[in-house]
Amino acid sequence: MTQTGSRAALDRVVRRAGGASVFEALVALPGSDLTTLQLELMRRRAAALSPATVLERYRRDRFTAPAPLPFAALRRVEDVLLDALAARPESVEVVTPAPLAPLGTHSVLATVDQNKVVSTVRGTDVAADPTNGLALEAAVRRQDLQRADVAGAGSGPGGGPLAGVVRLAAIQRVVRAQYVAGPAMFAHFSLFAQVTAGRDIGGLGFERAALAEQLAVVAGALPRLGAEEVEVRLTVLEPRFAPVADAIVAALGGRPDGAAAGVPVRAALDPGRPSGRGYYEGLCFKVMARLDGEWAEVGDGGFTGWSRELLSNKKERLLISGLGIDRLAAAHAAATSRTTAT
């Protein structure tokens, strides 16, 4: 539905419910009072349903249908990604995020339209992107490390210039409310996410190290998932990040990860990328993979100001990235099916 259509629908419902004054009164209710009202509303609506109507809703609701991909195909992709993560020398904690996030996590933190998120009557959002939830967890841990420093407990785990860096990863099934047509476009799907949070150490040292670490996982995993070629397309959003991008282009040009499997893994500059501007800052990237002869976007990432805003600290830095597990599983399954058929 267009924005104009959404507004017209809202106006119609508001008139039917008693007018703008009633609507504004509901908006102004304290969170706990609104939750009380919504819970009773859902209780009454559920009480009017029969088993047959629940079944019919299950049949036609795109949010409630099982994943169209076999469990084994998804699990295989997850295992390869986790193996690649575990193979890295840096210690990365894999966490299990909650399926819900605080209301506004995606729209306030990540500037995603709230209408693209499934919100609940208890004032939460159904997870739509694991990097948002991981960013909150990373901010909590960074804050704890800062408080420990103030108390004289040291600079946190690890040593060297990146002491105190928080590295988290997760695999999460997420839900997106907007309807997108096309192959491998699902209402709910799994994402593999990485976040690296730390403090500015000068000379873009944090940024260089964090980006190299996360891309090393991508470069190590995708050749094992059927990728015939892998290309990381880097977009410099601030001129001072140009040396960071150049370093990645030079490093990935001779990486042994893909070469060992006979798979080229490279990086290239992509200055014309239209998306991600305003969402990312400094530098962002897309991960492209050639699967069964066709190029597909399988991942995305970049630097954000989320932890800086969450902790009200201009020195905080955050890199996020994600890979689409369902897309990789679907492409690998299609390639395998064609190979078997021939």
C-alpha atoms as a PDB file:
ATOM      1  CA  MET A   1       0.000   0.000   0.000  1.00  0.00           C
ATOM      2  CA  THR A   2       1.282   3.491  -0.871  1.00  0.00           C
ATOM      3  CA  GLN A   3       1.821   6.183   1.771  1.00  0.00           C
ATOM      4  CA  THR A   4      -1.262   8.002   0.457  1.00  0.00           C
ATOM      5  CA  GLY A   5      -3.288   4.797   0.647  1.00  0.00           C
ATOM      6  CA  SER A   6      -2.086   4.103   4.180  1.00  0.00           C
ATOM      7  CA  ARG A   7      -3.065   7.592   5.289  1.00  0.00           C
ATOM      8  CA  ALA A   8      -6.531   7.263   3.750  1.00  0.00           C
ATOM      9  CA  ALA A   9      -7.037   3.909   5.480  1.00  0.00           C
ATOM     10  CA  LEU A  10      -5.942   5.378   8.818  1.00  0.00           C
ATOM     11  CA  ASP A  11      -8.272   8.337   8.465  1.00  0.00           C
ATOM     12  CA  ARG A  12     -11.187   6.005   7.700  1.00  0.00           C
ATOM     13  CA  VAL A  13     -10.496   3.839  10.759  1.00  0.00           C
ATOM     14  CA  VAL A  14     -10.038   6.862  13.040  1.00  0.00           C
ATOM     15  CA  ARG A  15     -13.401   8.267  11.977  1.00  0.00           C
ATOM     16  CA  ARG A  16     -15.069   4.919  12.620  1.00  0.00           C
ATOM     17  CA  ALA A  17     -13.436   4.611  16.051  1.00  0.00           C
ATOM     18  CA  GLY A  18     -14.716   7.961  17.276  1.00  0.00           C
ATOM     19  CA  GLY A  19     -12.579  10.629  15.654  1.00  0.00           C
ATOM     20  CA  ALA A  20      -9.191  12.223  16.012  1.00  0.00           C
ATOM     21  CA  SER A  21      -9.682  13.086  19.694  1.00  0.00           C
ATOM     22  CA  VAL A  22     -10.111   9.423  20.578  1.00  0.00           C
ATOM     23  CA  PHE A  23      -7.064   8.468  18.538  1.00  0.00           C
ATOM     24  CA  GLU A  24      -4.900  11.170  20.154  1.00  0.00           C
ATOM     25  CA  ALA A  25      -6.081  10.056  23.607  1.00  0.00           C
ATOM     26  CA  LEU A  26      -4.928   6.507  22.843  1.00  0.00           C
ATOM     27  CA  VAL A  27      -1.566   7.748  21.560  1.00  0.00           C
ATOM     28  CA  ALA A  28      -1.091   9.752  24.773  1.00  0.00           C
ATOM     29  CA  LEU A  29      -1.798   6.815  27.095  1.00  0.00           C
ATOM     30  CA  PRO A  30       1.139   5.673  29.252  1.00  0.00           C
ATOM     31  CA  GLY A  31       2.740   2.508  27.905  1.00  0.00           C
ATOM     32  CA  SER A  32       1.377   0.265  30.661  1.00  0.00           C
ATOM     33  CA  ASP A  33      -2.166   1.571  30.193  1.00  0.00           C
ATOM     34  CA  LEU A  34      -2.033   1.101  26.427  1.00  0.00           C
ATOM     35  CA  THR A  35      -0.740  -2.451  26.930  1.00  0.00           C
ATOM     36  CA  THR A  36      -3.658  -3.173  29.291  1.00  0.00           C
ATOM     37  CA  LEU A  37      -6.113  -1.952  26.658  1.00  0.00           C
ATOM     38  CA  GLN A  38      -4.468  -3.898  23.833  1.00  0.00           C
ATOM     39  CA  LEU A  39      -4.295  -7.118  25.848  1.00  0.00           C
ATOM     40  CA  GLU A  40      -8.009  -6.976  26.561  1.00  0.00           C
ATOM     41  CA  LEU A  41      -8.728  -6.179  22.926  1.00  0.00           C
ATOM     42  CA  MET A  42      -6.732  -9.202  21.735  1.00  0.00           C
ATOM     43  CA  ARG A  43      -8.283 -11.419  24.418  1.00  0.00           C
ATOM     44  CA  ARG A  44     -11.788 -10.574  23.212  1.00  0.00           C
ATOM     45  CA  ARG A  45     -10.919 -10.975  19.549  1.00  0.00           C
ATOM     46  CA  ALA A  46      -9.266 -14.340  20.215  1.00  0.00           C
ATOM     47  CA  ALA A  47     -12.258 -15.496  22.231  1.00  0.00           C
ATOM     48  CA  ALA A  48     -14.458 -14.988  19.177  1.00  0.00           C
ATOM     49  CA  LEU A  49     -12.368 -17.317  17.017  1.00  0.00           C
ATOM     50  CA  SER A  50     -13.005 -20.987  16.312  1.00  0.00           C
ATOM     51  CA  PRO A  51     -10.408 -23.682  15.556  1.00  0.00           C
ATOM     52  CA  ALA A  52     -11.533 -23.550  11.929  1.00  0.00           C
ATOM     53  CA  THR A  53     -10.883 -19.810  11.633  1.00  0.00           C
ATOM     54  CA  VAL A  54      -7.445 -20.226  13.232  1.00  0.00           C
ATOM     55  CA  LEU A  55      -6.620 -22.927  10.688  1.00  0.00           C
ATOM     56  CA  GLU A  56      -7.835 -20.753   7.823  1.00  0.00           C
ATOM     57  CA  ARG A  57      -5.679 -17.871   9.055  1.00  0.00           C
ATOM     58  CA  TYR A  58      -2.709 -20.212   9.248  1.00  0.00           C
ATOM     59  CA  ARG A  59      -3.289 -21.277   5.631  1.00  0.00           C
ATOM     60  CA  ARG A  60      -3.290 -17.738   4.212  1.00  0.00           C
ATOM     61  CA  ASP A  61      -1.046 -15.700   6.533  1.00  0.00           C
ATOM     62  CA  ARG A  62       2.439 -15.363   5.025  1.00  0.00           C
ATOM     63  CA  PHE A  63       3.898 -14.632   8.469  1.00  0.00           C
ATOM     64  CA  THR A  64       2.886 -17.981   9.958  1.00  0.00           C
ATOM     65  CA  ALA A  65       3.758 -20.509   7.248  1.00  0.00           C
ATOM     66  CA  PRO A  66       6.850 -22.686   7.763  1.00  0.00           C
ATOM     67  CA  ALA A  67      10.023 -21.862   5.875  1.00  0.00           C
ATOM     68  CA  PRO A  68       9.845 -23.198   2.306  1.00  0.00           C
ATOM     69  CA  LEU A  69      13.428 -24.452   2.515  1.00  0.00           C
ATOM     70  CA  PRO A  70      14.318 -27.798   4.127  1.00  0.00           C
ATOM     71  CA  PHE A  71      15.694 -27.624   7.643  1.00  0.00           C
ATOM     72  CA  ALA A  72      18.790 -29.576   6.617  1.00  0.00           C
ATOM     73  CA  ALA A  73      19.644 -27.045   3.890  1.00  0.00           C
ATOM     74  CA  LEU A  74      19.421 -24.125   6.309  1.00  0.00           C
ATOM     75  CA  ARG A  75      21.350 -25.989   8.989  1.00  0.00           C
ATOM     76  CA  ARG A  76      24.174 -26.773   6.573  1.00  0.00           C
ATOM     77  CA  VAL A  77      24.657 -23.073   5.802  1.00  0.00           C
ATOM     78  CA  GLU A  78      24.560 -22.215   9.508  1.00  0.00           C
ATOM     79  CA  ASP A  79      27.194 -24.837  10.313  1.00  0.00           C
ATOM     80  CA  VAL A  80      29.573 -23.598   7.611  1.00  0.00           C
ATOM     81  CA  LEU A  81      29.230 -19.988   8.803  1.00  0.00           C
ATOM     82  CA  LEU A  82      29.828 -20.947  12.429  1.00  0.00           C
ATOM     83  CA  ASP A  83      32.843 -23.060  11.438  1.00  0.00           C
ATOM     84  CA  ALA A  84      34.319 -20.090   9.552  1.00  0.00           C
ATOM     85  CA  LEU A  85      33.711 -17.890  12.569  1.00  0.00           C
ATOM     86  CA  ALA A  86      35.358 -20.374  14.931  1.00  0.00           C
ATOM     87  CA  ALA A  87      38.391 -20.622  12.655  1.00  0.00           C
ATOM     88  CA  ARG A  88      39.273 -16.974  13.177  1.00  0.00           C
ATOM     89  CA  PRO A  89      41.975 -16.140  15.748  1.00  0.00           C
ATOM     90  CA  GLU A  90      39.815 -13.420  17.324  1.00  0.00           C
ATOM     91  CA  SER A  91      37.426 -14.557  20.052  1.00  0.00           C
ATOM     92  CA  VAL A  92      33.839 -13.977  18.926  1.00  0.00           C
ATOM     93  CA  GLU A  93      30.939 -14.876  21.213  1.00  0.00           C
ATOM     94  CA  VAL A  94      27.934 -16.414  19.492  1.00  0.00           C
ATOM     95  CA  VAL A  95      24.811 -15.358  21.382  1.00  0.00           C
ATOM     96  CA  THR A  96      21.164 -16.379  21.102  1.00  0.00           C
ATOM     97  CA  PRO A  97      19.119 -13.181  20.742  1.00  0.00           C
ATOM     98  CA  ALA A  98      15.583 -12.936  22.062  1.00  0.00           C
ATOM     99  CA  PRO A  99      12.884 -13.080  19.378  1.00  0.00           C
ATOM    100  CA  LEU A 100      11.633  -9.691  20.616  1.00  0.00           C
ATOM    101  CA  ALA A 101      13.348  -6.312  20.904  1.00  0.00           C
ATOM    102  CA  PRO A 102      12.313  -3.086  22.648  1.00  0.00           C
ATOM    103  CA  LEU A 103       9.758  -1.050  20.727  1.00  0.00           C
ATOM    104  CA  GLY A 104      11.590   1.282  18.344  1.00  0.00           C
ATOM    105  CA  THR A 105      14.793  -0.760  18.156  1.00  0.00           C
ATOM    106  CA  HIS A 106      14.649  -0.835  14.372  1.00  0.00           C
ATOM    107  CA  SER A 107      13.052   2.558  13.635  1.00  0.00           C
ATOM    108  CA  VAL A 108      14.835   4.657  16.268  1.00  0.00           C
ATOM    109  CA  LEU A 109      18.222   2.952  16.142  1.00  0.00           C
ATOM    110  CA  ALA A 110      18.382   1.957  12.492  1.00  0.00           C
ATOM    111  CA  THR A 111      15.997   4.475  10.845  1.00  0.00           C
ATOM    112  CA  VAL A 112      13.779   1.701   9.429  1.00  0.00           C
ATOM    113  CA  ASP A 113      10.121   2.616   8.970  1.00  0.00           C
ATOM    114  CA  GLN A 114       8.160   1.201  11.913  1.00  0.00           C
ATOM    115  CA  ASN A 115       5.521  -0.090   9.473  1.00  0.00           C
ATOM    116  CA  LYS A 116       8.110  -2.575   8.173  1.00  0.00           C
ATOM    117  CA  VAL A 117       8.356  -4.128  11.640  1.00  0.00           C
ATOM    118  CA  VAL A 118       5.861  -6.405  13.382  1.00  0.00           C
ATOM    119  CA  SER A 119       5.105  -4.748  16.719  1.00  0.00           C
ATOM    120  CA  THR A 120       3.409  -6.500  19.636  1.00  0.00           C
ATOM    121  CA  VAL A 121       0.709  -5.421  22.066  1.00  0.00           C
ATOM    122  CA  ARG A 122       3.256  -5.592  24.889  1.00  0.00           C
ATOM    123  CA  GLY A 123       5.329  -2.749  23.513  1.00  0.00           C
ATOM    124  CA  THR A 124       8.025  -4.746  21.738  1.00  0.00           C
ATOM    125  CA  ASP A 125       9.151  -5.386  18.173  1.00  0.00           C
ATOM    126  CA  VAL A 126       9.471  -8.835  16.650  1.00  0.00           C
ATOM    127  CA  ALA A 127      13.123  -9.088  15.629  1.00  0.00           C
ATOM    128  CA  ALA A 128      13.605  -7.834  12.065  1.00  0.00           C
ATOM    129  CA  ASP A 129      17.411  -7.694  11.995  1.00  0.00           C
ATOM    130  CA  PRO A 130      19.803  -9.380  14.445  1.00  0.00           C
ATOM    131  CA  THR A 131      22.378  -6.604  14.110  1.00  0.00           C
ATOM    132  CA  ASN A 132      20.012  -4.226  15.924  1.00  0.00           C
ATOM    133  CA  GLY A 133      19.651  -6.519  18.915  1.00  0.00           C
ATOM    134  CA  LEU A 134      23.360  -7.354  18.911  1.00  0.00           C
ATOM    135  CA  ALA A 135      24.145  -3.628  18.870  1.00  0.00           C
ATOM    136  CA  LEU A 136      22.116  -3.198  22.059  1.00  0.00           C
ATOM    137  CA  GLU A 137      23.923  -6.112  23.712  1.00  0.00           C
ATOM    138  CA  ALA A 138      27.298  -4.801  22.566  1.00  0.00           C
ATOM    139  CA  ALA A 139      26.463  -1.369  23.991  1.00  0.00           C
ATOM    140  CA  VAL A 140      25.601  -2.915  27.354  1.00  0.00           C
ATOM    141  CA  ARG A 141      28.900  -4.790  27.395  1.00  0.00           C
ATOM    142  CA  ARG A 142      30.901  -1.753  26.302  1.00  0.00           C
ATOM    143  CA  GLN A 143      29.231   0.266  29.058  1.00  0.00           C
ATOM    144  CA  ASP A 144      30.114  -2.405  31.621  1.00  0.00           C
ATOM    145  CA  LEU A 145      33.741  -2.324  30.448  1.00  0.00           C
ATOM    146  CA  GLN A 146      33.830   1.461  30.769  1.00  0.00           C
ATOM    147  CA  ARG A 147      32.459   1.276  34.295  1.00  0.00           C
ATOM    148  CA  ALA A 148      35.035  -1.375  35.164  1.00  0.00           C
ATOM    149  CA  ASP A 149      37.778   0.916  33.851  1.00  0.00           C
ATOM    150  CA  VAL A 150      36.532   3.757  36.035  1.00  0.00           C
ATOM    151  CA  ALA A 151      36.545   1.405  39.002  1.00  0.00           C
ATOM    152  CA  GLY A 152      40.152   0.491  38.235  1.00  0.00           C
ATOM    153  CA  ALA A 153      39.473  -3.006  36.921  1.00  0.00           C
ATOM    154  CA  GLY A 154      41.552  -2.627  33.752  1.00  0.00           C
ATOM    155  CA  SER A 155      40.694  -2.231  30.095  1.00  0.00           C
ATOM    156  CA  GLY A 156      38.632  -5.345  29.612  1.00  0.00           C
ATOM    157  CA  PRO A 157      39.484  -8.685  28.009  1.00  0.00           C
ATOM    158  CA  GLY A 158      42.339  -9.101  25.567  1.00  0.00           C
ATOM    159  CA  GLY A 159      45.343  -6.890  24.974  1.00  0.00           C
ATOM    160  CA  GLY A 160      46.957  -4.658  22.378  1.00  0.00           C
ATOM    161  CA  PRO A 161      45.315  -1.763  20.554  1.00  0.00           C
ATOM    162  CA  LEU A 162      41.888  -3.460  20.403  1.00  0.00           C
ATOM    163  CA  ALA A 163      41.638  -4.327  24.087  1.00  0.00           C
ATOM    164  CA  GLY A 164      38.052  -4.125  25.263  1.00  0.00           C
ATOM    165  CA  VAL A 165      36.540  -4.731  21.825  1.00  0.00           C
ATOM    166  CA  VAL A 166      33.220  -6.601  21.938  1.00  0.00           C
ATOM    167  CA  ARG A 167      32.781  -9.137  19.144  1.00  0.00           C
ATOM    168  CA  LEU A 168      29.368 -10.817  18.892  1.00  0.00           C
ATOM    169  CA  ALA A 169      27.660 -13.008  16.306  1.00  0.00           C
ATOM    170  CA  ALA A 170      24.257 -14.622  16.019  1.00  0.00           C
ATOM    171  CA  ILE A 171      21.946 -16.600  13.788  1.00  0.00           C
ATOM    172  CA  GLN A 172      18.354 -15.439  14.082  1.00  0.00           C
ATOM    173  CA  ARG A 173      15.041 -16.012  12.343  1.00  0.00           C
ATOM    174  CA  VAL A 174      13.582 -12.570  11.658  1.00  0.00           C
ATOM    175  CA  VAL A 175      10.316 -11.156  10.320  1.00  0.00           C
ATOM    176  CA  ARG A 176       9.844  -8.264   7.885  1.00  0.00           C
ATOM    177  CA  ALA A 177       6.380  -6.765   7.471  1.00  0.00           C
ATOM    178  CA  GLN A 178       6.738  -5.244   4.011  1.00  0.00           C
ATOM    179  CA  TYR A 179       5.730  -7.412   1.070  1.00  0.00           C
ATOM    180  CA  VAL A 180       8.517  -8.065  -1.437  1.00  0.00           C
ATOM    181  CA  ALA A 181       7.859 -10.286  -4.452  1.00  0.00           C
ATOM    182  CA  GLY A 182      10.468 -12.431  -6.165  1.00  0.00           C
ATOM    183  CA  PRO A 183      12.519 -15.590  -5.662  1.00  0.00           C
ATOM    184  CA  ALA A 184      14.142 -16.107  -2.245  1.00  0.00           C
ATOM    185  CA  MET A 185      12.019 -13.284  -0.782  1.00  0.00           C
ATOM    186  CA  PHE A 186      10.361 -14.489   2.401  1.00  0.00           C
ATOM    187  CA  ALA A 187       8.277 -12.912   5.171  1.00  0.00           C
ATOM    188  CA  HIS A 188      10.554 -14.600   7.698  1.00  0.00           C
ATOM    189  CA  PHE A 189      14.090 -15.785   7.133  1.00  0.00           C
ATOM    190  CA  SER A 190      17.387 -16.431   8.917  1.00  0.00           C
ATOM    191  CA  LEU A 191      20.330 -14.062   9.049  1.00  0.00           C
ATOM    192  CA  PHE A 192      23.897 -14.575  10.195  1.00  0.00           C
ATOM    193  CA  ALA A 193      25.053 -11.365  11.850  1.00  0.00           C
ATOM    194  CA  GLN A 194      28.321 -10.009  13.195  1.00  0.00           C
ATOM    195  CA  VAL A 195      28.871  -6.852  15.231  1.00  0.00           C
ATOM    196  CA  THR A 196      32.191  -5.458  16.435  1.00  0.00           C
ATOM    197  CA  ALA A 197      32.066  -2.642  18.977  1.00  0.00           C
ATOM    198  CA  GLY A 198      34.974  -0.731  20.420  1.00  0.00           C
ATOM    199  CA  ARG A 199      36.628   2.617  20.958  1.00  0.00           C
ATOM    200  CA  ASP A 200      38.310   4.902  18.451  1.00  0.00           C
ATOM    201  CA  ILE A 201      42.066   4.298  18.716  1.00  0.00           C
ATOM    202  CA  GLY A 202      43.111   6.829  16.113  1.00  0.00           C
ATOM    203  CA  GLY A 203      44.191   6.458  12.509  1.00  0.00           C
ATOM    204  CA  LEU A 204      41.064   4.380  11.771  1.00  0.00           C
ATOM    205  CA  GLY A 205      42.859   1.474  13.459  1.00  0.00           C
ATOM    206  CA  PHE A 206      39.686   0.018  14.921  1.00  0.00           C
ATOM    207  CA  GLU A 207      37.879   0.325  11.605  1.00  0.00           C
ATOM    208  CA  ARG A 208      40.658  -1.379   9.631  1.00  0.00           C
ATOM    209  CA  ALA A 209      40.912  -4.329  12.014  1.00  0.00           C
ATOM    210  CA  ALA A 210      37.159  -4.824  12.523  1.00  0.00           C
ATOM    211  CA  LEU A 211      36.406  -4.778   8.795  1.00  0.00           C
ATOM    212  CA  ALA A 212      39.216  -7.216   7.983  1.00  0.00           C
ATOM    213  CA  GLU A 213      38.020  -9.605  10.716  1.00  0.00           C
ATOM    214  CA  GLN A 214      34.389  -9.712   9.592  1.00  0.00           C
ATOM    215  CA  LEU A 215      35.209 -10.040   5.899  1.00  0.00           C
ATOM    216  CA  ALA A 216      37.609 -12.886   6.655  1.00  0.00           C
ATOM    217  CA  VAL A 217      34.643 -14.914   7.940  1.00  0.00           C
ATOM    218  CA  VAL A 218      32.714 -14.177   4.744  1.00  0.00           C
ATOM    219  CA  ALA A 219      35.703 -15.083   2.566  1.00  0.00           C
ATOM    220  CA  GLY A 220      36.205 -18.318   4.459  1.00  0.00           C
ATOM    221  CA  ALA A 221      32.576 -19.469   4.353  1.00  0.00           C
ATOM    222  CA  LEU A 222      31.136 -18.632   0.938  1.00  0.00           C
ATOM    223  CA  PRO A 223      33.454 -20.871  -1.145  1.00  0.00           C
ATOM    224  CA  ARG A 224      32.276 -23.787   0.991  1.00  0.00           C
ATOM    225  CA  LEU A 225      28.654 -22.900   0.270  1.00  0.00           C
ATOM    226  CA  GLY A 226      28.861 -23.308  -3.471  1.00  0.00           C
ATOM    227  CA  ALA A 227      30.029 -19.822  -4.434  1.00  0.00           C
ATOM    228  CA  GLU A 228      31.976 -19.912  -7.699  1.00  0.00           C
ATOM    229  CA  GLU A 229      33.250 -16.365  -7.128  1.00  0.00           C
ATOM    230  CA  VAL A 230      32.940 -13.885  -4.254  1.00  0.00           C
ATOM    231  CA  GLU A 231      33.204 -10.120  -4.544  1.00  0.00           C
ATOM    232  CA  VAL A 232      32.996  -7.607  -1.706  1.00  0.00           C
ATOM    233  CA  ARG A 233      31.871  -4.260  -3.129  1.00  0.00           C
ATOM    234  CA  LEU A 234      33.054  -1.401  -0.929  1.00  0.00           C
ATOM    235  CA  THR A 235      31.480   2.050  -0.937  1.00  0.00           C
ATOM    236  CA  VAL A 236      33.376   4.916   0.696  1.00  0.00           C
ATOM    237  CA  LEU A 237      30.894   7.335   2.277  1.00  0.00           C
ATOM    238  CA  GLU A 238      33.501   9.645   3.831  1.00  0.00           C
ATOM    239  CA  PRO A 239      36.771  10.420   2.034  1.00  0.00           C
ATOM    240  CA  ARG A 240      38.908   9.650   5.073  1.00  0.00           C
ATOM    241  CA  PHE A 241      37.793   5.998   4.837  1.00  0.00           C
ATOM    242  CA  ALA A 242      39.354   5.589   1.376  1.00  0.00           C
ATOM    243  CA  PRO A 243      42.589   4.056   2.781  1.00  0.00           C
ATOM    244  CA  VAL A 244      40.517   1.485   4.699  1.00  0.00           C
ATOM    245  CA  ALA A 245      38.773   0.402   1.497  1.00  0.00           C
ATOM    246  CA  ASP A 246      42.062   0.359  -0.428  1.00  0.00           C
ATOM    247  CA  ALA A 247      43.622  -1.891   2.222  1.00  0.00           C
ATOM    248  CA  ILE A 248      40.755  -4.382   1.930  1.00  0.00           C
ATOM    249  CA  VAL A 249      40.981  -4.391  -1.869  1.00  0.00           C
ATOM    250  CA  ALA A 250      44.703  -5.128  -1.633  1.00  0.00           C
ATOM    251  CA  ALA A 251      44.310  -7.774   1.080  1.00  0.00           C
ATOM    252  CA  LEU A 252      41.430  -9.697  -0.512  1.00  0.00           C
ATOM    253  CA  GLY A 253      43.147  -9.665  -3.873  1.00  0.00           C
ATOM    254  CA  GLY A 254      45.585 -12.274  -2.616  1.00  0.00           C
ATOM    255  CA  ARG A 255      43.606 -14.072   0.060  1.00  0.00           C
ATOM    256  CA  PRO A 256      44.280 -17.803   0.358  1.00  0.00           C
ATOM    257  CA  ASP A 257      40.768 -18.624   1.679  1.00  0.00           C
ATOM    258  CA  GLY A 258      39.004 -18.893  -1.658  1.00  0.00           C
ATOM    259  CA  ALA A 259      42.100 -19.817  -3.626  1.00  0.00           C
ATOM    260  CA  ALA A 260      42.513 -22.991  -1.602  1.00  0.00           C
ATOM    261  CA  ALA A 261      39.121 -24.101  -2.870  1.00  0.00           C
ATOM    262  CA  GLY A 262      39.760 -22.731  -6.356  1.00  0.00           C
ATOM    263  CA  VAL A 263      37.300 -19.887  -5.737  1.00  0.00           C
ATOM    264  CA  PRO A 264      38.307 -16.267  -6.446  1.00  0.00           C
ATOM    265  CA  VAL A 265      37.600 -13.973  -3.490  1.00  0.00           C
ATOM    266  CA  ARG A 266      38.189 -10.300  -4.223  1.00  0.00           C
ATOM    267  CA  ALA A 267      37.144  -6.795  -3.247  1.00  0.00           C
ATOM    268  CA  ALA A 268      36.336  -3.842  -5.480  1.00  0.00           C
ATOM    269  CA  LEU A 269      35.280  -0.224  -5.036  1.00  0.00           C
ATOM    270  CA  ASP A 270      31.621   0.576  -5.712  1.00  0.00           C
ATOM    271  CA  PRO A 271      31.285   4.382  -5.515  1.00  0.00           C
ATOM    272  CA  GLY A 272      27.880   4.482  -7.225  1.00  0.00           C
ATOM    273  CA  ARG A 273      25.956   2.411  -4.703  1.00  0.00           C
ATOM    274  CA  PRO A 274      22.643   4.223  -4.051  1.00  0.00           C
ATOM    275  CA  SER A 275      21.429   2.286  -0.985  1.00  0.00           C
ATOM    276  CA  GLY A 276      22.738   2.451   2.560  1.00  0.00           C
ATOM    277  CA  ARG A 277      23.475   6.182   2.553  1.00  0.00           C
ATOM    278  CA  GLY A 278      22.051   7.651   5.750  1.00  0.00           C
ATOM    279  CA  TYR A 279      21.967   4.184   7.301  1.00  0.00           C
ATOM    280  CA  TYR A 280      25.722   3.565   7.268  1.00  0.00           C
ATOM    281  CA  GLU A 281      28.517   6.050   7.830  1.00  0.00           C
ATOM    282  CA  GLY A 282      32.135   6.101   6.715  1.00  0.00           C
ATOM    283  CA  LEU A 283      32.096   2.929   4.645  1.00  0.00           C
ATOM    284  CA  CYS A 284      29.651   0.191   3.721  1.00  0.00           C
ATOM    285  CA  PHE A 285      29.782  -2.918   1.578  1.00  0.00           C
ATOM    286  CA  LYS A 286      27.756  -5.532  -0.232  1.00  0.00           C
ATOM    287  CA  VAL A 287      28.752  -9.190  -0.502  1.00  0.00           C
ATOM    288  CA  MET A 288      28.107 -10.665  -3.922  1.00  0.00           C
ATOM    289  CA  ALA A 289      28.442 -14.351  -4.800  1.00  0.00           C
ATOM    290  CA  ARG A 290      28.236 -16.103  -8.152  1.00  0.00           C
ATOM    291  CA  LEU A 291      26.009 -19.092  -7.511  1.00  0.00           C
ATOM    292  CA  ASP A 292      25.331 -21.531 -10.325  1.00  0.00           C
ATOM    293  CA  GLY A 293      26.533 -18.981 -12.847  1.00  0.00           C
ATOM    294  CA  GLU A 294      24.478 -16.034 -11.607  1.00  0.00           C
ATOM    295  CA  TRP A 295      25.512 -13.180  -9.343  1.00  0.00           C
ATOM    296  CA  ALA A 296      23.403 -12.623  -6.214  1.00  0.00           C
ATOM    297  CA  GLU A 297      23.631 -10.240  -3.285  1.00  0.00           C
ATOM    298  CA  VAL A 298      24.027 -12.419  -0.184  1.00  0.00           C
ATOM    299  CA  GLY A 299      25.255  -9.962   2.434  1.00  0.00           C
ATOM    300  CA  ASP A 300      25.531  -6.359   3.511  1.00  0.00           C
ATOM    301  CA  GLY A 301      27.334  -4.366   6.175  1.00  0.00           C
ATOM    302  CA  GLY A 302      29.043  -1.180   7.234  1.00  0.00           C
ATOM    303  CA  PHE A 303      29.874   1.199  10.047  1.00  0.00           C
ATOM    304  CA  THR A 304      27.072   2.876  12.019  1.00  0.00           C
ATOM    305  CA  GLY A 305      26.781   5.471  14.750  1.00  0.00           C
ATOM    306  CA  TRP A 306      24.446   3.335  16.864  1.00  0.00           C
ATOM    307  CA  SER A 307      26.780   2.641  19.780  1.00  0.00           C
ATOM    308  CA  ARG A 308      27.910   6.267  19.795  1.00  0.00           C
ATOM    309  CA  GLU A 309      24.284   7.328  20.208  1.00  0.00           C
ATOM    310  CA  LEU A 310      23.363   4.573  22.656  1.00  0.00           C
ATOM    311  CA  LEU A 311      26.269   5.394  24.960  1.00  0.00           C
ATOM    312  CA  SER A 312      26.401   9.147  24.286  1.00  0.00           C
ATOM    313  CA  ASN A 313      30.117   8.791  23.576  1.00  0.00           C
ATOM    314  CA  LYS A 314      31.667  10.183  20.395  1.00  0.00           C
ATOM    315  CA  LYS A 315      34.584   7.747  20.665  1.00  0.00           C
ATOM    316  CA  GLU A 316      32.453   4.608  20.331  1.00  0.00           C
ATOM    317  CA  ARG A 317      32.675   2.691  17.049  1.00  0.00           C
ATOM    318  CA  LEU A 318      30.496  -0.091  15.604  1.00  0.00           C
ATOM    319  CA  LEU A 319      30.694  -2.335  12.536  1.00  0.00           C
ATOM    320  CA  ILE A 320      27.749  -4.536  11.590  1.00  0.00           C
ATOM    321  CA  SER A 321      27.195  -7.098   8.845  1.00  0.00           C
ATOM    322  CA  GLY A 322      24.750  -9.801   7.870  1.00  0.00           C
ATOM    323  CA  LEU A 323      24.444 -12.717   5.451  1.00  0.00           C
ATOM    324  CA  GLY A 324      21.158 -14.169   4.196  1.00  0.00           C
ATOM    325  CA  ILE A 325      21.064 -17.843   5.155  1.00  0.00           C
ATOM    326  CA  ASP A 326      17.876 -18.680   3.238  1.00  0.00           C
ATOM    327  CA  ARG A 327      19.199 -17.124   0.043  1.00  0.00           C
ATOM    328  CA  LEU A 328      22.426 -19.104   0.283  1.00  0.00           C
ATOM    329  CA  ALA A 329      20.552 -22.311   1.079  1.00  0.00           C
ATOM    330  CA  ALA A 330      18.101 -21.794  -1.806  1.00  0.00           C
ATOM    331  CA  ALA A 331      20.875 -21.108  -4.313  1.00  0.00           C
ATOM    332  CA  HIS A 332      22.915 -24.096  -3.168  1.00  0.00           C
ATOM    333  CA  ALA A 333      19.868 -26.384  -3.274  1.00  0.00           C
ATOM    334  CA  ALA A 334      18.992 -25.221  -6.811  1.00  0.00           C
ATOM    335  CA  ALA A 335      22.543 -25.762  -8.017  1.00  0.00           C
ATOM    336  CA  THR A 336      22.666 -29.216  -6.446  1.00  0.00           C
ATOM    337  CA  SER A 337      19.330 -30.141  -8.012  1.00  0.00           C
ATOM    338  CA  ARG A 338      20.478 -29.121 -11.492  1.00  0.00           C
ATOM    339  CA  THR A 339      23.749 -30.994 -11.092  1.00  0.00           C
ATOM    340  CA  THR A 340      21.903 -34.145 -10.016  1.00  0.00           C
ATOM    341  CA  ALA A 341      19.470 -33.846 -12.925  1.00  0.00           C
ATOM    342  CA  THR A 342      22.277 -33.743 -15.468  1.00  0.00           C
END
